[in-house]
């Protein structure tokens, strides 16, 4: 495989993970809060943080901050629900350590990259 096709494959995998992350976050939020409330959460994030739904994978820290601002201590429960669903959908076990949301997302990306290189 040449270098260009390898780069295209990596870019495609990254985009696939980003799309999947947005869909999983969306689905998790809707399961917890319902359609209308999720719309309010996204509106809040867009107005308060200039964060659009599709930008979440690149701005995961901002998303987490927005959740914390909007939901206070409830954000932690939502983060765990999202992470459990993400890991499960990739066939991985979510093992909670004393780490933040961003850490688990980075770990998931690392594990997926490792698997796709095989």
PDB file of N, CA and C in Angstrom:
ATOM      1  N   UNK A   1       0.845  -1.168   0.000  1.00  0.00           N
ATOM      2  CA  UNK A   1       0.000   0.000   0.000  1.00  0.00           C
ATOM      3  C   UNK A   1       0.900   1.244   0.000  1.00  0.00           C
ATOM      4  N   UNK A   2       0.598   2.180  -0.907  1.00  0.00           N
ATOM      5  CA  UNK A   2       1.440   3.364  -0.948  1.00  0.00           C
ATOM      6  C   UNK A   2       1.034   4.363   0.133  1.00  0.00           C
ATOM      7  N   UNK A   3       1.877   5.363   0.292  1.00  0.00           N
ATOM      8  CA  UNK A   3       1.693   6.335   1.376  1.00  0.00           C
ATOM      9  C   UNK A   3       0.393   7.130   1.244  1.00  0.00           C
ATOM     10  N   UNK A   4       0.023   7.521   0.022  1.00  0.00           N
ATOM     11  CA  UNK A   4      -1.193   8.311  -0.195  1.00  0.00           C
ATOM     12  C   UNK A   4      -2.450   7.520   0.151  1.00  0.00           C
ATOM     13  N   UNK A   5      -2.518   6.270  -0.278  1.00  0.00           N
ATOM     14  CA  UNK A   5      -3.706   5.486   0.030  1.00  0.00           C
ATOM     15  C   UNK A   5      -3.788   5.196   1.532  1.00  0.00           C
ATOM     16  N   UNK A   6      -2.625   5.048   2.171  1.00  0.00           N
ATOM     17  CA  UNK A   6      -2.591   4.849   3.611  1.00  0.00           C
ATOM     18  C   UNK A   6      -3.118   6.094   4.335  1.00  0.00           C
ATOM     19  N   UNK A   7      -2.709   7.276   3.879  1.00  0.00           N
ATOM     20  CA  UNK A   7      -3.196   8.526   4.462  1.00  0.00           C
ATOM     21  C   UNK A   7      -4.697   8.686   4.252  1.00  0.00           C
ATOM     22  N   UNK A   8      -5.174   8.324   3.064  1.00  0.00           N
ATOM     23  CA  UNK A   8      -6.616   8.386   2.786  1.00  0.00           C
ATOM     24  C   UNK A   8      -7.388   7.458   3.713  1.00  0.00           C
ATOM     25  N   UNK A   9      -6.834   6.268   3.923  1.00  0.00           N
ATOM     26  CA  UNK A   9      -7.490   5.300   4.805  1.00  0.00           C
ATOM     27  C   UNK A   9      -7.540   5.818   6.242  1.00  0.00           C
ATOM     28  N   UNK A  10      -6.459   6.413   6.710  1.00  0.00           N
ATOM     29  CA  UNK A  10      -6.413   6.974   8.059  1.00  0.00           C
ATOM     30  C   UNK A  10      -7.416   8.119   8.191  1.00  0.00           C
ATOM     31  N   UNK A  11      -7.464   8.979   7.182  1.00  0.00           N
ATOM     32  CA  UNK A  11      -8.404  10.103   7.192  1.00  0.00           C
ATOM     33  C   UNK A  11      -9.849   9.601   7.192  1.00  0.00           C
ATOM     34  N   UNK A  12     -10.117   8.569   6.402  1.00  0.00           N
ATOM     35  CA  UNK A  12     -11.463   7.996   6.335  1.00  0.00           C
ATOM     36  C   UNK A  12     -11.860   7.396   7.691  1.00  0.00           C
ATOM     37  N   UNK A  13     -10.928   6.697   8.332  1.00  0.00           N
ATOM     38  CA  UNK A  13     -11.199   6.108   9.645  1.00  0.00           C
ATOM     39  C   UNK A  13     -11.465   7.203  10.683  1.00  0.00           C
ATOM     40  N   UNK A  14     -10.694   8.284  10.609  1.00  0.00           N
ATOM     41  CA  UNK A  14     -10.874   9.402  11.537  1.00  0.00           C
ATOM     42  C   UNK A  14     -12.245  10.041  11.343  1.00  0.00           C
ATOM     43  N   UNK A  15     -12.636  10.235  10.084  1.00  0.00           N
ATOM     44  CA  UNK A  15     -13.953  10.811   9.787  1.00  0.00           C
ATOM     45  C   UNK A  15     -15.064   9.860  10.232  1.00  0.00           C
ATOM     46  N   UNK A  16     -14.854   8.577  10.022  1.00  0.00           N
ATOM     47  CA  UNK A  16     -15.837   7.574  10.443  1.00  0.00           C
ATOM     48  C   UNK A  16     -16.020   7.621  11.959  1.00  0.00           C
ATOM     49  N   UNK A  17     -14.921   7.692  12.701  1.00  0.00           N
ATOM     50  CA  UNK A  17     -15.002   7.771  14.150  1.00  0.00           C
ATOM     51  C   UNK A  17     -15.687   9.067  14.580  1.00  0.00           C
ATOM     52  N   UNK A  18     -15.377  10.166  13.925  1.00  0.00           N
ATOM     53  CA  UNK A  18     -16.007  11.448  14.260  1.00  0.00           C
ATOM     54  C   UNK A  18     -17.513  11.387  14.054  1.00  0.00           C
ATOM     55  N   UNK A  19     -17.937  10.861  12.917  1.00  0.00           N
ATOM     56  CA  UNK A  19     -19.375  10.724  12.638  1.00  0.00           C
ATOM     57  C   UNK A  19     -20.035   9.804  13.667  1.00  0.00           C
ATOM     58  N   UNK A  20     -19.361   8.727  13.970  1.00  0.00           N
ATOM     59  CA  UNK A  20     -19.903   7.769  14.929  1.00  0.00           C
ATOM     60  C   UNK A  20     -19.996   8.388  16.317  1.00  0.00           C
ATOM     61  N   UNK A  21     -19.008   9.187  16.679  1.00  0.00           N
ATOM     62  CA  UNK A  21     -19.006   9.859  17.966  1.00  0.00           C
ATOM     63  C   UNK A  21     -20.195  10.809  18.074  1.00  0.00           C
ATOM     64  N   UNK A  22     -20.433  11.598  17.035  1.00  0.00           N
ATOM     65  CA  UNK A  22     -21.570  12.525  17.028  1.00  0.00           C
ATOM     66  C   UNK A  22     -22.882  11.756  17.145  1.00  0.00           C
ATOM     67  N   UNK A  23     -23.023  10.682  16.377  1.00  0.00           N
ATOM     68  CA  UNK A  23     -24.257   9.889  16.418  1.00  0.00           C
ATOM     69  C   UNK A  23     -24.467   9.247  17.786  1.00  0.00           C
ATOM     70  N   UNK A  24     -23.399   8.755  18.380  1.00  0.00           N
ATOM     71  CA  UNK A  24     -23.512   8.108  19.688  1.00  0.00           C
ATOM     72  C   UNK A  24     -23.856   9.123  20.767  1.00  0.00           C
ATOM     73  N   UNK A  25     -23.221  10.288  20.724  1.00  0.00           N
ATOM     74  CA  UNK A  25     -23.539  11.346  21.681  1.00  0.00           C
ATOM     75  C   UNK A  25     -25.001  11.738  21.522  1.00  0.00           C
ATOM     76  N   UNK A  26     -25.415  11.941  20.295  1.00  0.00           N
ATOM     77  CA  UNK A  26     -26.795  12.325  19.997  1.00  0.00           C
ATOM     78  C   UNK A  26     -27.785  11.281  20.531  1.00  0.00           C
ATOM     79  N   UNK A  27     -27.528  10.035  20.223  1.00  0.00           N
ATOM     80  CA  UNK A  27     -28.401   8.935  20.653  1.00  0.00           C
ATOM     81  C   UNK A  27     -28.436   8.830  22.175  1.00  0.00           C
ATOM     82  N   UNK A  28     -27.290   8.928  22.814  1.00  0.00           N
ATOM     83  CA  UNK A  28     -27.226   8.837  24.275  1.00  0.00           C
ATOM     84  C   UNK A  28     -28.001   9.967  24.931  1.00  0.00           C
ATOM     85  N   UNK A  29     -27.807  11.182  24.437  1.00  0.00           N
ATOM     86  CA  UNK A  29     -28.520  12.327  25.000  1.00  0.00           C
ATOM     87  C   UNK A  29     -30.028  12.172  24.823  1.00  0.00           C
ATOM     88  N   UNK A  30     -30.445  11.702  23.644  1.00  0.00           N
ATOM     89  CA  UNK A  30     -31.875  11.526  23.387  1.00  0.00           C
ATOM     90  C   UNK A  30     -32.480  10.442  24.269  1.00  0.00           C
ATOM     91  N   UNK A  31     -31.721   9.369  24.514  1.00  0.00           N
ATOM     92  CA  UNK A  31     -32.205   8.308  25.402  1.00  0.00           C
ATOM     93  C   UNK A  31     -32.401   8.831  26.826  1.00  0.00           C
ATOM     94  N   UNK A  32     -31.511   9.704  27.254  1.00  0.00           N
ATOM     95  CA  UNK A  32     -31.559  10.218  28.622  1.00  0.00           C
ATOM     96  C   UNK A  32     -32.594  11.334  28.768  1.00  0.00           C
ATOM     97  N   UNK A  33     -32.605  12.280  27.810  1.00  0.00           N
ATOM     98  CA  UNK A  33     -33.402  13.498  27.975  1.00  0.00           C
ATOM     99  C   UNK A  33     -34.600  13.626  27.048  1.00  0.00           C
ATOM    100  N   UNK A  34     -34.571  12.924  25.923  1.00  0.00           N
ATOM    101  CA  UNK A  34     -35.632  13.094  24.942  1.00  0.00           C
ATOM    102  C   UNK A  34     -35.247  14.129  23.887  1.00  0.00           C
ATOM    103  N   UNK A  35     -35.944  14.077  22.774  1.00  0.00           N
ATOM    104  CA  UNK A  35     -35.637  14.891  21.595  1.00  0.00           C
ATOM    105  C   UNK A  35     -35.625  16.400  21.896  1.00  0.00           C
ATOM    106  N   UNK A  36     -36.652  16.893  22.535  1.00  0.00           N
ATOM    107  CA  UNK A  36     -36.787  18.341  22.775  1.00  0.00           C
ATOM    108  C   UNK A  36     -35.662  18.885  23.659  1.00  0.00           C
ATOM    109  N   UNK A  37     -35.370  18.173  24.728  1.00  0.00           N
ATOM    110  CA  UNK A  37     -34.310  18.620  25.639  1.00  0.00           C
ATOM    111  C   UNK A  37     -32.942  18.610  24.958  1.00  0.00           C
ATOM    112  N   UNK A  38     -32.701  17.630  24.105  1.00  0.00           N
ATOM    113  CA  UNK A  38     -31.421  17.556  23.392  1.00  0.00           C
ATOM    114  C   UNK A  38     -31.275  18.763  22.458  1.00  0.00           C
ATOM    115  N   UNK A  39     -32.354  19.144  21.838  1.00  0.00           N
ATOM    116  CA  UNK A  39     -32.345  20.328  20.986  1.00  0.00           C
ATOM    117  C   UNK A  39     -31.967  21.570  21.806  1.00  0.00           C
ATOM    118  N   UNK A  40     -32.486  21.662  23.003  1.00  0.00           N
ATOM    119  CA  UNK A  40     -32.160  22.786  23.893  1.00  0.00           C
ATOM    120  C   UNK A  40     -30.683  22.750  24.291  1.00  0.00           C
ATOM    121  N   UNK A  41     -30.157  21.563  24.573  1.00  0.00           N
ATOM    122  CA  UNK A  41     -28.740  21.416  24.933  1.00  0.00           C
ATOM    123  C   UNK A  41     -27.850  21.864  23.778  1.00  0.00           C
ATOM    124  N   UNK A  42     -28.156  21.393  22.560  1.00  0.00           N
ATOM    125  CA  UNK A  42     -27.352  21.793  21.398  1.00  0.00           C
ATOM    126  C   UNK A  42     -27.456  23.297  21.140  1.00  0.00           C
ATOM    127  N   UNK A  43     -28.639  23.866  21.292  1.00  0.00           N
ATOM    128  CA  UNK A  43     -28.805  25.312  21.129  1.00  0.00           C
ATOM    129  C   UNK A  43     -27.944  26.073  22.139  1.00  0.00           C
ATOM    130  N   UNK A  44     -27.951  25.604  23.364  1.00  0.00           N
ATOM    131  CA  UNK A  44     -27.138  26.211  24.417  1.00  0.00           C
ATOM    132  C   UNK A  44     -25.659  26.186  24.033  1.00  0.00           C
ATOM    133  N   UNK A  45     -25.197  25.021  23.585  1.00  0.00           N
ATOM    134  CA  UNK A  45     -23.780  24.873  23.222  1.00  0.00           C
ATOM    135  C   UNK A  45     -23.409  25.796  22.065  1.00  0.00           C
ATOM    136  N   UNK A  46     -24.321  25.904  21.102  1.00  0.00           N
ATOM    137  CA  UNK A  46     -24.032  26.752  19.951  1.00  0.00           C
ATOM    138  C   UNK A  46     -23.998  28.231  20.348  1.00  0.00           C
ATOM    139  N   UNK A  47     -24.944  28.652  21.160  1.00  0.00           N
ATOM    140  CA  UNK A  47     -24.995  30.064  21.565  1.00  0.00           C
ATOM    141  C   UNK A  47     -23.899  30.411  22.557  1.00  0.00           C
ATOM    142  N   UNK A  48     -23.679  29.565  23.511  1.00  0.00           N
ATOM    143  CA  UNK A  48     -22.733  29.847  24.606  1.00  0.00           C
ATOM    144  C   UNK A  48     -21.280  29.602  24.209  1.00  0.00           C
ATOM    145  N   UNK A  49     -21.032  28.545  23.428  1.00  0.00           N
ATOM    146  CA  UNK A  49     -19.653  28.141  23.117  1.00  0.00           C
ATOM    147  C   UNK A  49     -19.324  28.173  21.628  1.00  0.00           C
ATOM    148  N   UNK A  50     -20.288  28.587  20.807  1.00  0.00           N
ATOM    149  CA  UNK A  50     -20.121  28.541  19.345  1.00  0.00           C
ATOM    150  C   UNK A  50     -19.727  27.137  18.894  1.00  0.00           C
ATOM    151  N   UNK A  51     -20.325  26.148  19.530  1.00  0.00           N
ATOM    152  CA  UNK A  51     -20.024  24.744  19.252  1.00  0.00           C
ATOM    153  C   UNK A  51     -21.213  24.093  18.563  1.00  0.00           C
ATOM    154  N   UNK A  52     -21.016  23.770  17.299  1.00  0.00           N
ATOM    155  CA  UNK A  52     -22.061  23.057  16.557  1.00  0.00           C
ATOM    156  C   UNK A  52     -21.905  21.558  16.787  1.00  0.00           C
ATOM    157  N   UNK A  53     -23.010  20.870  16.676  1.00  0.00           N
ATOM    158  CA  UNK A  53     -23.069  19.428  16.912  1.00  0.00           C
ATOM    159  C   UNK A  53     -21.966  18.678  16.165  1.00  0.00           C
ATOM    160  N   UNK A  54     -21.794  18.987  14.889  1.00  0.00           N
ATOM    161  CA  UNK A  54     -20.816  18.251  14.080  1.00  0.00           C
ATOM    162  C   UNK A  54     -19.367  18.587  14.431  1.00  0.00           C
ATOM    163  N   UNK A  55     -19.138  19.627  15.231  1.00  0.00           N
ATOM    164  CA  UNK A  55     -17.783  19.999  15.648  1.00  0.00           C
ATOM    165  C   UNK A  55     -17.349  19.302  16.938  1.00  0.00           C
ATOM    166  N   UNK A  56     -18.258  18.607  17.568  1.00  0.00           N
ATOM    167  CA  UNK A  56     -17.968  17.994  18.866  1.00  0.00           C
ATOM    168  C   UNK A  56     -16.710  17.113  18.853  1.00  0.00           C
ATOM    169  N   UNK A  57     -16.516  16.235  17.869  1.00  0.00           N
ATOM    170  CA  UNK A  57     -15.319  15.371  17.915  1.00  0.00           C
ATOM    171  C   UNK A  57     -14.000  16.147  17.934  1.00  0.00           C
ATOM    172  N   UNK A  58     -13.952  17.294  17.269  1.00  0.00           N
ATOM    173  CA  UNK A  58     -12.723  18.086  17.252  1.00  0.00           C
ATOM    174  C   UNK A  58     -12.620  18.997  18.476  1.00  0.00           C
ATOM    175  N   UNK A  59     -13.738  19.207  19.140  1.00  0.00           N
ATOM    176  CA  UNK A  59     -13.765  20.124  20.294  1.00  0.00           C
ATOM    177  C   UNK A  59     -14.383  19.435  21.507  1.00  0.00           C
ATOM    178  N   UNK A  60     -13.895  18.249  21.793  1.00  0.00           N
ATOM    179  CA  UNK A  60     -14.468  17.423  22.847  1.00  0.00           C
ATOM    180  C   UNK A  60     -14.369  18.097  24.218  1.00  0.00           C
ATOM    181  N   UNK A  61     -13.287  18.854  24.450  1.00  0.00           N
ATOM    182  CA  UNK A  61     -13.129  19.557  25.720  1.00  0.00           C
ATOM    183  C   UNK A  61     -14.223  20.611  25.881  1.00  0.00           C
ATOM    184  N   UNK A  62     -14.520  21.342  24.800  1.00  0.00           N
ATOM    185  CA  UNK A  62     -15.576  22.346  24.841  1.00  0.00           C
ATOM    186  C   UNK A  62     -16.937  21.691  25.077  1.00  0.00           C
ATOM    187  N   UNK A  63     -17.150  20.550  24.442  1.00  0.00           N
ATOM    188  CA  UNK A  63     -18.402  19.824  24.651  1.00  0.00           C
ATOM    189  C   UNK A  63     -18.550  19.445  26.122  1.00  0.00           C
ATOM    190  N   UNK A  64     -17.489  18.935  26.691  1.00  0.00           N
ATOM    191  CA  UNK A  64     -17.534  18.535  28.105  1.00  0.00           C
ATOM    192  C   UNK A  64     -17.808  19.742  28.996  1.00  0.00           C
ATOM    193  N   UNK A  65     -17.139  20.844  28.718  1.00  0.00           N
ATOM    194  CA  UNK A  65     -17.377  22.059  29.499  1.00  0.00           C
ATOM    195  C   UNK A  65     -18.825  22.523  29.374  1.00  0.00           C
ATOM    196  N   UNK A  66     -19.354  22.467  28.153  1.00  0.00           N
ATOM    197  CA  UNK A  66     -20.746  22.854  27.931  1.00  0.00           C
ATOM    198  C   UNK A  66     -21.712  21.971  28.707  1.00  0.00           C
ATOM    199  N   UNK A  67     -21.423  20.663  28.718  1.00  0.00           N
ATOM    200  CA  UNK A  67     -22.256  19.745  29.504  1.00  0.00           C
ATOM    201  C   UNK A  67     -22.212  20.101  30.988  1.00  0.00           C
ATOM    202  N   UNK A  68     -21.003  20.387  31.471  1.00  0.00           N
ATOM    203  CA  UNK A  68     -20.849  20.730  32.888  1.00  0.00           C
ATOM    204  C   UNK A  68     -21.591  22.021  33.225  1.00  0.00           C
ATOM    205  N   UNK A  69     -21.493  23.007  32.353  1.00  0.00           N
ATOM    206  CA  UNK A  69     -22.200  24.266  32.584  1.00  0.00           C
ATOM    207  C   UNK A  69     -23.707  24.048  32.578  1.00  0.00           C
ATOM    208  N   UNK A  70     -24.185  23.268  31.634  1.00  0.00           N
ATOM    209  CA  UNK A  70     -25.621  23.078  31.452  1.00  0.00           C
ATOM    210  C   UNK A  70     -26.222  22.128  32.483  1.00  0.00           C
ATOM    211  N   UNK A  71     -25.506  21.041  32.781  1.00  0.00           N
ATOM    212  CA  UNK A  71     -26.063  19.985  33.628  1.00  0.00           C
ATOM    213  C   UNK A  71     -25.472  19.921  35.027  1.00  0.00           C
ATOM    214  N   UNK A  72     -24.446  20.705  35.283  1.00  0.00           N
ATOM    215  CA  UNK A  72     -23.775  20.696  36.579  1.00  0.00           C
ATOM    216  C   UNK A  72     -23.237  19.285  36.860  1.00  0.00           C
ATOM    217  N   UNK A  73     -23.522  18.740  38.030  1.00  0.00           N
ATOM    218  CA  UNK A  73     -22.985  17.423  38.386  1.00  0.00           C
ATOM    219  C   UNK A  73     -23.593  16.293  37.566  1.00  0.00           C
ATOM    220  N   UNK A  74     -24.722  16.538  36.918  1.00  0.00           N
ATOM    221  CA  UNK A  74     -25.352  15.529  36.069  1.00  0.00           C
ATOM    222  C   UNK A  74     -24.539  15.208  34.831  1.00  0.00           C
ATOM    223  N   UNK A  75     -23.615  16.093  34.478  1.00  0.00           N
ATOM    224  CA  UNK A  75     -22.790  15.872  33.290  1.00  0.00           C
ATOM    225  C   UNK A  75     -21.988  14.581  33.411  1.00  0.00           C
ATOM    226  N   UNK A  76     -21.536  14.280  34.597  1.00  0.00           N
ATOM    227  CA  UNK A  76     -20.731  13.073  34.825  1.00  0.00           C
ATOM    228  C   UNK A  76     -21.494  11.810  34.417  1.00  0.00           C
ATOM    229  N   UNK A  77     -22.753  11.726  34.795  1.00  0.00           N
ATOM    230  CA  UNK A  77     -23.589  10.567  34.467  1.00  0.00           C
ATOM    231  C   UNK A  77     -23.779  10.458  32.956  1.00  0.00           C
ATOM    232  N   UNK A  78     -23.992  11.589  32.314  1.00  0.00           N
ATOM    233  CA  UNK A  78     -24.185  11.622  30.863  1.00  0.00           C
ATOM    234  C   UNK A  78     -22.899  11.195  30.155  1.00  0.00           C
ATOM    235  N   UNK A  79     -21.770  11.708  30.610  1.00  0.00           N
ATOM    236  CA  UNK A  79     -20.476  11.331  30.017  1.00  0.00           C
ATOM    237  C   UNK A  79     -20.265   9.823  30.091  1.00  0.00           C
ATOM    238  N   UNK A  80     -20.536   9.237  31.229  1.00  0.00           N
ATOM    239  CA  UNK A  80     -20.345   7.786  31.398  1.00  0.00           C
ATOM    240  C   UNK A  80     -21.270   6.997  30.478  1.00  0.00           C
ATOM    241  N   UNK A  81     -22.508   7.450  30.338  1.00  0.00           N
ATOM    242  CA  UNK A  81     -23.450   6.770  29.440  1.00  0.00           C
ATOM    243  C   UNK A  81     -22.947   6.817  28.006  1.00  0.00           C
ATOM    244  N   UNK A  82     -22.435   7.962  27.585  1.00  0.00           N
ATOM    245  CA  UNK A  82     -21.890   8.113  26.230  1.00  0.00           C
ATOM    246  C   UNK A  82     -20.692   7.200  26.043  1.00  0.00           C
ATOM    247  N   UNK A  83     -19.784   7.204  26.996  1.00  0.00           N
ATOM    248  CA  UNK A  83     -18.574   6.385  26.887  1.00  0.00           C
ATOM    249  C   UNK A  83     -18.901   4.889  26.856  1.00  0.00           C
ATOM    250  N   UNK A  84     -19.807   4.457  27.701  1.00  0.00           N
ATOM    251  CA  UNK A  84     -20.188   3.034  27.710  1.00  0.00           C
ATOM    252  C   UNK A  84     -20.745   2.619  26.359  1.00  0.00           C
ATOM    253  N   UNK A  85     -21.603   3.460  25.790  1.00  0.00           N
ATOM    254  CA  UNK A  85     -22.208   3.148  24.492  1.00  0.00           C
ATOM    255  C   UNK A  85     -21.143   3.141  23.390  1.00  0.00           C
ATOM    256  N   UNK A  86     -20.251   4.116  23.390  1.00  0.00           N
ATOM    257  CA  UNK A  86     -19.182   4.176  22.390  1.00  0.00           C
ATOM    258  C   UNK A  86     -18.316   2.928  22.432  1.00  0.00           C
ATOM    259  N   UNK A  87     -17.821   2.610  23.607  1.00  0.00           N
ATOM    260  CA  UNK A  87     -16.941   1.450  23.746  1.00  0.00           C
ATOM    261  C   UNK A  87     -17.656   0.166  23.341  1.00  0.00           C
ATOM    262  N   UNK A  88     -18.895   0.029  23.793  1.00  0.00           N
ATOM    263  CA  UNK A  88     -19.669  -1.175  23.477  1.00  0.00           C
ATOM    264  C   UNK A  88     -19.854  -1.326  21.969  1.00  0.00           C
ATOM    265  N   UNK A  89     -20.169  -0.226  21.293  1.00  0.00           N
ATOM    266  CA  UNK A  89     -20.387  -0.280  19.850  1.00  0.00           C
ATOM    267  C   UNK A  89     -19.120  -0.624  19.069  1.00  0.00           C
ATOM    268  N   UNK A  90     -17.967  -0.424  19.674  1.00  0.00           N
ATOM    269  CA  UNK A  90     -16.717  -0.838  19.037  1.00  0.00           C
ATOM    270  C   UNK A  90     -16.244  -2.190  19.566  1.00  0.00           C
ATOM    271  N   UNK A  91     -17.082  -2.852  20.357  1.00  0.00           N
ATOM    272  CA  UNK A  91     -16.741  -4.174  20.871  1.00  0.00           C
ATOM    273  C   UNK A  91     -15.683  -4.140  21.955  1.00  0.00           C
ATOM    274  N   UNK A  92     -15.577  -3.013  22.644  1.00  0.00           N
ATOM    275  CA  UNK A  92     -14.573  -2.862  23.692  1.00  0.00           C
ATOM    276  C   UNK A  92     -15.252  -2.712  25.043  1.00  0.00           C
ATOM    277  N   UNK A  93     -14.560  -3.135  26.073  1.00  0.00           N
ATOM    278  CA  UNK A  93     -15.075  -2.959  27.433  1.00  0.00           C
ATOM    279  C   UNK A  93     -14.667  -1.585  27.938  1.00  0.00           C
ATOM    280  N   UNK A  94     -15.609  -0.894  28.519  1.00  0.00           N
ATOM    281  CA  UNK A  94     -15.305   0.394  29.144  1.00  0.00           C
ATOM    282  C   UNK A  94     -14.930   0.126  30.587  1.00  0.00           C
ATOM    283  N   UNK A  95     -13.672   0.351  30.889  1.00  0.00           N
ATOM    284  CA  UNK A  95     -13.180   0.154  32.250  1.00  0.00           C
ATOM    285  C   UNK A  95     -12.918   1.529  32.840  1.00  0.00           C
ATOM    286  N   UNK A  96     -13.759   1.874  33.803  1.00  0.00           N
ATOM    287  CA  UNK A  96     -13.647   3.200  34.400  1.00  0.00           C
ATOM    288  C   UNK A  96     -12.465   3.270  35.344  1.00  0.00           C
ATOM    289  N   UNK A  97     -11.628   4.253  35.085  1.00  0.00           N
ATOM    290  CA  UNK A  97     -10.521   4.575  35.971  1.00  0.00           C
ATOM    291  C   UNK A  97     -10.839   5.977  36.473  1.00  0.00           C
ATOM    292  N   UNK A  98      -9.936   6.587  37.120  1.00  0.00           N
ATOM    293  CA  UNK A  98     -10.187   7.937  37.618  1.00  0.00           C
ATOM    294  C   UNK A  98      -9.661   8.951  36.605  1.00  0.00           C
ATOM    295  N   UNK A  99     -10.263   8.946  35.422  1.00  0.00           N
ATOM    296  CA  UNK A  99      -9.822   9.806  34.329  1.00  0.00           C
ATOM    297  C   UNK A  99     -10.999  10.626  33.813  1.00  0.00           C
ATOM    298  N   UNK A 100     -10.689  11.646  33.033  1.00  0.00           N
ATOM    299  CA  UNK A 100     -11.728  12.495  32.461  1.00  0.00           C
ATOM    300  C   UNK A 100     -12.254  11.977  31.130  1.00  0.00           C
ATOM    301  N   UNK A 101     -13.349  12.561  30.701  1.00  0.00           N
ATOM    302  CA  UNK A 101     -14.028  12.213  29.458  1.00  0.00           C
ATOM    303  C   UNK A 101     -13.071  12.225  28.263  1.00  0.00           C
ATOM    304  N   UNK A 102     -12.269  13.288  28.170  1.00  0.00           N
ATOM    305  CA  UNK A 102     -11.340  13.426  27.041  1.00  0.00           C
ATOM    306  C   UNK A 102     -10.342  12.267  26.989  1.00  0.00           C
ATOM    307  N   UNK A 103      -9.877  11.839  28.146  1.00  0.00           N
ATOM    308  CA  UNK A 103      -8.940  10.722  28.228  1.00  0.00           C
ATOM    309  C   UNK A 103      -9.531   9.473  27.589  1.00  0.00           C
ATOM    310  N   UNK A 104     -10.775   9.166  27.943  1.00  0.00           N
ATOM    311  CA  UNK A 104     -11.417   7.954  27.414  1.00  0.00           C
ATOM    312  C   UNK A 104     -11.650   8.043  25.906  1.00  0.00           C
ATOM    313  N   UNK A 105     -11.962   9.229  25.419  1.00  0.00           N
ATOM    314  CA  UNK A 105     -12.128   9.412  23.973  1.00  0.00           C
ATOM    315  C   UNK A 105     -10.785   9.208  23.275  1.00  0.00           C
ATOM    316  N   UNK A 106      -9.720   9.795  23.822  1.00  0.00           N
ATOM    317  CA  UNK A 106      -8.375   9.590  23.241  1.00  0.00           C
ATOM    318  C   UNK A 106      -7.991   8.117  23.262  1.00  0.00           C
ATOM    319  N   UNK A 107      -8.269   7.440  24.376  1.00  0.00           N
ATOM    320  CA  UNK A 107      -7.961   6.013  24.483  1.00  0.00           C
ATOM    321  C   UNK A 107      -8.724   5.193  23.447  1.00  0.00           C
ATOM    322  N   UNK A 108      -9.981   5.519  23.262  1.00  0.00           N
ATOM    323  CA  UNK A 108     -10.783   4.813  22.262  1.00  0.00           C
ATOM    324  C   UNK A 108     -10.187   5.015  20.876  1.00  0.00           C
ATOM    325  N   UNK A 109      -9.848   6.242  20.540  1.00  0.00           N
ATOM    326  CA  UNK A 109      -9.237   6.528  19.233  1.00  0.00           C
ATOM    327  C   UNK A 109      -7.944   5.750  19.069  1.00  0.00           C
ATOM    328  N   UNK A 110      -7.131   5.706  20.127  1.00  0.00           N
ATOM    329  CA  UNK A 110      -5.857   4.976  20.075  1.00  0.00           C
ATOM    330  C   UNK A 110      -6.105   3.485  19.837  1.00  0.00           C
ATOM    331  N   UNK A 111      -7.066   2.918  20.542  1.00  0.00           N
ATOM    332  CA  UNK A 111      -7.371   1.494  20.397  1.00  0.00           C
ATOM    333  C   UNK A 111      -7.886   1.181  18.993  1.00  0.00           C
ATOM    334  N   UNK A 112      -8.697   2.056  18.459  1.00  0.00           N
ATOM    335  CA  UNK A 112      -9.232   1.848  17.117  1.00  0.00           C
ATOM    336  C   UNK A 112      -8.107   1.941  16.086  1.00  0.00           C
ATOM    337  N   UNK A 113      -7.233   2.932  16.235  1.00  0.00           N
ATOM    338  CA  UNK A 113      -6.081   3.052  15.313  1.00  0.00           C
ATOM    339  C   UNK A 113      -5.220   1.803  15.365  1.00  0.00           C
ATOM    340  N   UNK A 114      -5.000   1.306  16.573  1.00  0.00           N
ATOM    341  CA  UNK A 114      -4.189   0.104  16.760  1.00  0.00           C
ATOM    342  C   UNK A 114      -4.829  -1.092  16.043  1.00  0.00           C
ATOM    343  N   UNK A 115      -6.141  -1.223  16.167  1.00  0.00           N
ATOM    344  CA  UNK A 115      -6.853  -2.322  15.519  1.00  0.00           C
ATOM    345  C   UNK A 115      -6.828  -2.201  13.992  1.00  0.00           C
ATOM    346  N   UNK A 116      -6.942  -0.992  13.463  1.00  0.00           N
ATOM    347  CA  UNK A 116      -6.998  -0.832  12.006  1.00  0.00           C
ATOM    348  C   UNK A 116      -5.635  -1.015  11.366  1.00  0.00           C
ATOM    349  N   UNK A 117      -4.568  -0.958  12.139  1.00  0.00           N
ATOM    350  CA  UNK A 117      -3.224  -1.168  11.596  1.00  0.00           C
ATOM    351  C   UNK A 117      -2.898  -2.642  11.417  1.00  0.00           C
ATOM    352  N   UNK A 118      -3.696  -3.489  12.037  1.00  0.00           N
ATOM    353  CA  UNK A 118      -3.431  -4.948  11.941  1.00  0.00           C
ATOM    354  C   UNK A 118      -3.792  -5.494  10.597  1.00  0.00           C
TER     355      UNK A 118
END
